[in-house]
């Protein structure tokens, strides 16, 4: 089993751990409603993708019937 020859200093350990932080998620604006959304994902507010409405609202479907 491998055993370290020297003790890892606090500075070296903390420098290595500093790279493991979690960054803020990247957000972009929806082209139709302007709400913040994750890129390459369906807009949770207006259900559109790349400027096209993908999912119709349930209320609108009931009104059509």
N, C-alpha and C. Protein backbone atom coordinates (compact mmCIF):
# COMPACT_ATOMS: atom_id res chain seq x y z
N UNK A 1 0.84 -1.18 0.00
CA UNK A 1 0.00 0.00 0.00
C UNK A 1 0.89 1.25 0.00
N UNK A 2 0.52 2.24 -0.78
CA UNK A 2 1.31 3.46 -0.88
C UNK A 2 1.12 4.33 0.35
N UNK A 3 2.24 4.85 0.83
CA UNK A 3 2.22 5.72 2.00
C UNK A 3 2.93 7.01 1.63
N UNK A 4 2.34 8.18 1.94
CA UNK A 4 3.01 9.43 1.60
C UNK A 4 4.31 9.61 2.38
N UNK A 5 5.33 10.15 1.70
CA UNK A 5 6.62 10.35 2.35
C UNK A 5 6.59 11.54 3.29
N UNK A 6 5.85 12.57 2.90
CA UNK A 6 5.79 13.78 3.73
C UNK A 6 4.34 14.18 3.94
N UNK A 7 4.14 14.91 5.01
CA UNK A 7 2.80 15.41 5.33
C UNK A 7 2.41 16.50 4.32
N UNK A 8 1.15 16.50 3.90
CA UNK A 8 0.65 17.53 2.99
C UNK A 8 0.37 18.79 3.80
N UNK A 9 0.96 19.91 3.38
CA UNK A 9 0.78 21.15 4.12
C UNK A 9 -0.63 21.68 3.96
N UNK A 10 -1.05 22.58 4.86
CA UNK A 10 -2.38 23.17 4.81
C UNK A 10 -2.58 23.96 3.52
N UNK A 11 -1.54 24.68 3.11
CA UNK A 11 -1.64 25.50 1.90
C UNK A 11 -1.85 24.63 0.67
N UNK A 12 -1.07 23.57 0.55
CA UNK A 12 -1.20 22.69 -0.61
C UNK A 12 -2.58 22.02 -0.63
N UNK A 13 -3.04 21.57 0.52
CA UNK A 13 -4.34 20.91 0.61
C UNK A 13 -5.47 21.89 0.27
N UNK A 14 -5.42 23.10 0.81
CA UNK A 14 -6.47 24.09 0.57
C UNK A 14 -6.45 24.61 -0.86
N UNK A 15 -5.27 24.70 -1.47
CA UNK A 15 -5.18 25.12 -2.87
C UNK A 15 -5.85 24.09 -3.77
N UNK A 16 -5.63 22.82 -3.48
CA UNK A 16 -6.23 21.75 -4.26
C UNK A 16 -7.75 21.73 -4.06
N UNK A 17 -8.22 21.93 -2.85
CA UNK A 17 -9.64 21.90 -2.56
C UNK A 17 -10.38 23.12 -3.10
N UNK A 18 -9.69 24.21 -3.33
CA UNK A 18 -10.33 25.43 -3.81
C UNK A 18 -10.89 25.27 -5.21
N UNK A 19 -10.38 24.30 -5.97
CA UNK A 19 -10.86 24.07 -7.33
C UNK A 19 -12.15 23.27 -7.37
N UNK A 20 -12.59 22.73 -6.24
CA UNK A 20 -13.74 21.84 -6.21
C UNK A 20 -15.04 22.55 -5.87
N UNK A 21 -15.04 23.86 -5.90
CA UNK A 21 -16.25 24.61 -5.54
C UNK A 21 -17.33 24.45 -6.61
N UNK A 22 -18.56 24.67 -6.23
CA UNK A 22 -19.68 24.59 -7.15
C UNK A 22 -19.96 26.00 -7.67
N UNK A 23 -20.01 26.14 -8.98
CA UNK A 23 -20.27 27.44 -9.58
C UNK A 23 -21.76 27.70 -9.73
N UNK A 24 -22.11 28.93 -9.98
CA UNK A 24 -23.50 29.29 -10.21
C UNK A 24 -23.94 28.74 -11.57
N UNK A 25 -25.20 28.33 -11.69
CA UNK A 25 -25.65 27.80 -12.98
C UNK A 25 -25.73 28.89 -14.03
N UNK A 26 -25.42 28.53 -15.28
CA UNK A 26 -25.51 29.49 -16.38
C UNK A 26 -26.97 29.62 -16.78
N UNK A 27 -27.44 30.85 -16.88
CA UNK A 27 -28.81 31.11 -17.27
C UNK A 27 -28.84 32.01 -18.49
N UNK A 28 -29.83 31.80 -19.34
CA UNK A 28 -30.03 32.67 -20.49
C UNK A 28 -31.49 33.10 -20.48
N UNK A 29 -31.82 34.11 -21.30
CA UNK A 29 -33.18 34.60 -21.36
C UNK A 29 -33.97 33.85 -22.42
N UNK A 30 -35.22 33.60 -22.14
CA UNK A 30 -36.12 32.98 -23.11
C UNK A 30 -36.41 34.01 -24.20
N UNK A 31 -36.41 33.56 -25.45
CA UNK A 31 -36.62 34.49 -26.56
C UNK A 31 -38.06 34.98 -26.66
N UNK A 32 -39.01 34.21 -26.10
CA UNK A 32 -40.41 34.62 -26.18
C UNK A 32 -40.86 35.42 -24.96
N UNK A 33 -40.63 34.87 -23.76
CA UNK A 33 -41.16 35.54 -22.56
C UNK A 33 -40.11 36.31 -21.78
N UNK A 34 -38.82 36.06 -22.02
CA UNK A 34 -37.76 36.78 -21.33
C UNK A 34 -37.42 36.25 -19.95
N UNK A 35 -38.01 35.14 -19.55
CA UNK A 35 -37.73 34.55 -18.25
C UNK A 35 -36.37 33.87 -18.26
N UNK A 36 -35.68 33.83 -17.12
CA UNK A 36 -34.39 33.14 -17.07
C UNK A 36 -34.60 31.63 -17.18
N UNK A 37 -33.74 30.97 -17.97
CA UNK A 37 -33.84 29.52 -18.17
C UNK A 37 -32.45 28.96 -18.43
N UNK A 38 -32.30 27.67 -18.26
CA UNK A 38 -31.04 27.01 -18.57
C UNK A 38 -30.90 26.89 -20.08
N UNK A 39 -29.71 27.06 -20.63
CA UNK A 39 -29.54 26.96 -22.08
C UNK A 39 -29.79 25.54 -22.57
N UNK A 40 -30.32 25.42 -23.79
CA UNK A 40 -30.60 24.15 -24.46
C UNK A 40 -31.67 23.33 -23.74
N UNK A 41 -32.55 24.00 -22.99
CA UNK A 41 -33.62 23.32 -22.25
C UNK A 41 -34.92 24.07 -22.47
N UNK A 42 -36.02 23.37 -22.45
CA UNK A 42 -37.35 23.93 -22.60
C UNK A 42 -37.59 25.00 -21.53
N UNK A 43 -38.17 26.12 -21.90
CA UNK A 43 -38.46 27.20 -20.96
C UNK A 43 -39.54 26.74 -19.98
N UNK A 44 -39.28 26.82 -18.66
CA UNK A 44 -40.29 26.35 -17.71
C UNK A 44 -41.50 27.28 -17.61
N UNK A 45 -41.35 28.52 -18.06
CA UNK A 45 -42.43 29.49 -17.95
C UNK A 45 -43.43 29.38 -19.10
N UNK A 46 -42.95 29.43 -20.35
CA UNK A 46 -43.85 29.46 -21.50
C UNK A 46 -43.80 28.17 -22.33
N UNK A 47 -42.99 27.19 -21.94
CA UNK A 47 -42.89 25.89 -22.62
C UNK A 47 -42.49 26.04 -24.09
N UNK A 48 -41.48 26.86 -24.36
CA UNK A 48 -41.01 27.04 -25.73
C UNK A 48 -39.53 26.66 -25.81
N UNK A 49 -39.07 26.39 -27.04
CA UNK A 49 -37.67 26.05 -27.28
C UNK A 49 -37.27 26.66 -28.61
N UNK A 50 -36.21 27.41 -28.62
CA UNK A 50 -35.69 28.10 -29.81
C UNK A 50 -36.76 28.97 -30.48
N UNK A 51 -37.56 29.65 -29.68
CA UNK A 51 -38.55 30.57 -30.22
C UNK A 51 -39.83 29.92 -30.71
N UNK A 52 -39.98 28.61 -30.54
CA UNK A 52 -41.18 27.92 -30.98
C UNK A 52 -41.89 27.31 -29.78
N UNK A 53 -43.20 27.46 -29.74
CA UNK A 53 -43.99 26.88 -28.65
C UNK A 53 -44.07 25.37 -28.86
N UNK A 54 -43.61 24.60 -27.89
CA UNK A 54 -43.54 23.15 -28.01
C UNK A 54 -44.73 22.49 -27.34
N UNK A 55 -45.03 22.88 -26.12
CA UNK A 55 -46.08 22.25 -25.34
C UNK A 55 -47.22 23.24 -25.17
N UNK A 56 -48.42 22.81 -25.52
CA UNK A 56 -49.60 23.65 -25.31
C UNK A 56 -50.03 23.55 -23.85
N UNK A 57 -50.56 24.63 -23.31
CA UNK A 57 -51.06 24.62 -21.94
C UNK A 57 -52.30 23.75 -21.84
N UNK A 58 -52.52 23.13 -20.69
CA UNK A 58 -53.68 22.26 -20.50
C UNK A 58 -54.97 23.08 -20.56
N UNK A 59 -54.93 24.32 -20.08
CA UNK A 59 -56.11 25.17 -20.11
C UNK A 59 -56.52 25.46 -21.56
N UNK A 60 -55.56 25.72 -22.43
CA UNK A 60 -55.84 26.01 -23.81
C UNK A 60 -56.39 24.78 -24.53
N UNK A 61 -55.91 23.58 -24.17
CA UNK A 61 -56.41 22.36 -24.79
C UNK A 61 -57.87 22.11 -24.43
N UNK A 62 -58.23 22.38 -23.15
CA UNK A 62 -59.60 22.17 -22.71
C UNK A 62 -60.55 23.16 -23.40
N UNK A 63 -60.08 24.39 -23.63
CA UNK A 63 -60.92 25.39 -24.28
C UNK A 63 -61.17 25.03 -25.74
N UNK A 64 -60.23 24.37 -26.39
CA UNK A 64 -60.38 23.98 -27.79
C UNK A 64 -61.43 22.88 -27.94
N UNK A 65 -61.51 21.99 -26.93
CA UNK A 65 -62.47 20.86 -27.02
C UNK A 65 -63.88 21.26 -26.78
